[in-house]
Amino acid sequence: MKILVSQQKRGLGISPARLRRLAVWLAAQAGMQPFSSLEILLTDDAGIVAANRAVFGRDYVTDVISLAYPPLPGEAAGAGELILNVALAAREGARRARGPDHELALYLAHGCDHLAGADDATPQQRAAMRRRELAWLRTAAQRGLIGGLFPGCGKASR
């Protein structure tokens, strides 16, 4: 799967190479085989509100938006897109013991889980998704895939 990481604004402070490496691993864990490519757009609160409004008609800040596109004519696989709110991950991660790296990794895992077909419409579905995503992140952390997403951030991910 081809993975492209792009930033809507300069200065978001993310390591695209480390995020891409984590995304490759998480996509495999989630079983995202039907996609030929995944585009990850890094944005801030204003960017995610604009995307949320355009896609869902909702006018509020969120963590991640997951979009799946069907294959183009003549192609075997569709594409996925994740819009990650880096500003929210930095704020929320600063308040949590595991830090911003882990928070951003959680948003990425959640988006991959959605693209693989998981739904969180009910409390049971949300709980199942969260258990699965946290299990992925425990293994990812053990493999050294989470630290360094926010280079220079003082809080280490565990």
Protein backbone atom coordinates (compact mmCIF):
# COMPACT_ATOMS: atom_id res chain seq x y z
CA MET A 1 0.00 0.00 0.00
CA LYS A 2 1.30 3.43 -0.94
CA ILE A 3 1.14 5.89 1.98
CA LEU A 4 1.42 9.65 1.55
CA VAL A 5 1.73 12.01 4.51
CA SER A 6 1.07 15.69 3.89
CA GLN A 7 0.67 18.71 6.12
CA GLN A 8 -2.06 21.26 5.57
CA LYS A 9 0.04 23.88 7.35
CA ARG A 10 3.74 24.23 7.97
CA GLY A 11 5.06 23.99 11.49
CA LEU A 12 2.84 21.23 12.88
CA GLY A 13 6.00 19.60 14.26
CA ILE A 14 5.43 16.03 13.09
CA SER A 15 7.97 13.59 11.67
CA PRO A 16 6.30 12.41 8.43
CA ALA A 17 8.75 9.51 8.09
CA ARG A 18 8.00 8.16 11.58
CA LEU A 19 4.26 8.64 11.09
CA ARG A 20 4.41 6.81 7.74
CA ARG A 21 6.29 3.92 9.35
CA LEU A 22 3.66 3.63 12.08
CA ALA A 23 0.86 3.92 9.51
CA VAL A 24 2.27 1.03 7.46
CA TRP A 25 2.34 -1.16 10.57
CA LEU A 26 -1.13 -0.10 11.81
CA ALA A 27 -2.68 -0.61 8.36
CA ALA A 28 -1.38 -4.18 8.42
CA GLN A 29 -2.75 -4.75 11.93
CA ALA A 30 -6.15 -3.39 10.91
CA GLY A 31 -6.26 -5.50 7.76
CA MET A 32 -6.65 -2.64 5.31
CA GLN A 33 -6.03 -4.82 2.25
CA PRO A 34 -8.71 -3.35 -0.01
CA PHE A 35 -6.80 -0.07 -0.35
CA SER A 36 -4.11 0.66 -2.90
CA SER A 37 -3.17 3.90 -1.17
CA LEU A 38 -3.65 5.83 2.03
CA GLU A 39 -3.30 9.59 2.25
CA ILE A 40 -2.77 11.07 5.71
CA LEU A 41 -3.43 14.78 5.98
CA LEU A 42 -2.09 16.48 9.11
CA THR A 43 -4.04 19.54 10.18
CA ASP A 44 -5.02 21.73 13.11
CA ASP A 45 -8.35 22.60 14.75
CA ALA A 46 -9.43 25.01 12.00
CA GLY A 47 -8.58 22.49 9.28
CA ILE A 48 -10.41 19.60 10.95
CA VAL A 49 -13.51 21.77 11.58
CA ALA A 50 -13.56 22.73 7.89
CA ALA A 51 -13.19 19.07 6.86
CA ASN A 52 -15.81 17.93 9.38
CA ARG A 53 -18.23 20.54 8.04
CA ALA A 54 -17.53 19.63 4.40
CA VAL A 55 -17.77 15.86 4.88
CA PHE A 56 -20.35 15.40 7.63
CA GLY A 57 -22.02 18.81 8.02
CA ARG A 58 -20.72 18.98 11.61
CA ASP A 59 -19.22 22.19 12.92
CA TYR A 60 -16.85 21.08 15.69
CA VAL A 61 -13.31 19.94 16.45
CA THR A 62 -12.66 16.19 16.24
CA ASP A 63 -9.59 13.96 16.39
CA VAL A 64 -9.64 12.04 13.10
CA ILE A 65 -11.79 11.78 9.99
CA SER A 66 -11.63 8.54 7.99
CA LEU A 67 -12.71 8.45 4.36
CA ALA A 68 -12.82 5.44 2.04
CA TYR A 69 -13.04 5.84 -1.73
CA PRO A 70 -14.09 3.10 -4.15
CA PRO A 71 -11.72 1.96 -6.89
CA LEU A 72 -11.50 4.11 -9.98
CA PRO A 73 -12.66 2.44 -13.19
CA GLY A 74 -10.09 -0.16 -14.22
CA GLU A 75 -8.44 -0.31 -10.80
CA ALA A 76 -8.73 -3.21 -8.37
CA ALA A 77 -8.52 -1.32 -5.08
CA GLY A 78 -9.85 1.89 -3.62
CA ALA A 79 -8.09 4.52 -1.54
CA GLY A 80 -8.27 5.65 2.04
CA GLU A 81 -7.80 9.06 3.54
CA LEU A 82 -7.21 10.05 7.16
CA ILE A 83 -7.33 13.63 8.39
CA LEU A 84 -5.53 13.84 11.74
CA ASN A 85 -5.85 16.78 14.14
CA VAL A 86 -2.26 17.29 15.27
CA ALA A 87 -3.13 20.32 17.43
CA LEU A 88 -5.65 18.30 19.44
CA ALA A 89 -3.17 15.44 19.83
CA ALA A 90 -0.56 17.88 21.17
CA ARG A 91 -3.01 19.44 23.65
CA GLU A 92 -4.58 16.20 24.85
CA GLY A 93 -1.25 14.38 24.90
CA ALA A 94 0.28 17.09 27.10
CA ARG A 95 -2.41 16.33 29.70
CA ARG A 96 -1.93 12.58 29.60
CA ALA A 97 0.86 10.41 31.00
CA ARG A 98 1.78 8.83 27.66
CA GLY A 99 2.24 12.15 25.89
CA PRO A 100 1.46 13.61 22.45
CA ASP A 101 3.17 10.82 20.47
CA HIS A 102 0.82 8.21 21.94
CA GLU A 103 -2.22 10.46 21.47
CA LEU A 104 -1.46 11.01 17.78
CA ALA A 105 -0.77 7.28 17.37
CA LEU A 106 -4.18 6.58 18.93
CA TYR A 107 -5.88 8.86 16.37
CA LEU A 108 -4.03 7.08 13.57
CA ALA A 109 -4.98 3.64 14.94
CA HIS A 110 -8.61 4.71 15.28
CA GLY A 111 -8.69 5.97 11.70
CA CYS A 112 -7.15 2.74 10.39
CA ASP A 113 -9.67 0.73 12.40
CA HIS A 114 -12.52 2.67 10.76
CA LEU A 115 -11.02 2.21 7.28
CA ALA A 116 -10.85 -1.53 7.94
CA GLY A 117 -14.61 -1.50 8.54
CA ALA A 118 -14.96 -1.06 12.30
CA ASP A 119 -17.81 1.08 13.58
CA ASP A 120 -18.21 2.89 16.90
CA ALA A 121 -21.91 3.73 16.75
CA THR A 122 -22.75 1.88 19.97
CA PRO A 123 -21.00 1.79 23.36
CA GLN A 124 -20.09 -1.87 22.78
CA GLN A 125 -18.58 -1.13 19.37
CA ARG A 126 -16.64 1.85 20.80
CA ALA A 127 -15.27 -0.29 23.62
CA ALA A 128 -14.24 -3.07 21.22
CA MET A 129 -12.47 -0.58 18.96
CA ARG A 130 -10.65 1.05 21.87
CA ARG A 131 -9.47 -2.31 23.24
CA ARG A 132 -8.17 -3.33 19.80
CA GLU A 133 -6.47 0.02 19.16
CA LEU A 134 -4.79 0.11 22.58
CA ALA A 135 -3.53 -3.45 22.05
CA TRP A 136 -2.03 -2.38 18.72
CA LEU A 137 -0.39 0.63 20.38
CA ARG A 138 1.11 -1.46 23.18
CA THR A 139 2.78 -3.65 20.58
CA ALA A 140 3.77 -0.66 18.45
CA ALA A 141 5.40 0.98 21.48
CA GLN A 142 7.32 -2.23 22.24
CA ARG A 143 8.59 -2.18 18.66
CA GLY A 144 9.70 1.46 18.95
CA LEU A 145 7.15 2.73 16.44
CA ILE A 146 5.49 5.46 18.52
CA GLY A 147 8.22 7.65 19.99
CA GLY A 148 9.45 10.59 17.95
CA LEU A 149 6.22 11.44 16.12
CA PHE A 150 6.53 14.91 17.68
CA PRO A 151 10.33 15.40 17.49
CA GLY A 152 11.64 17.51 20.32
CA CYS A 153 8.58 17.00 22.50
CA GLY A 154 9.67 16.63 26.10
CA LYS A 155 7.20 13.90 27.05
CA ALA A 156 8.20 10.38 26.06
CA SER A 157 5.60 7.87 24.97
CA ARG A 158 5.22 4.65 26.91
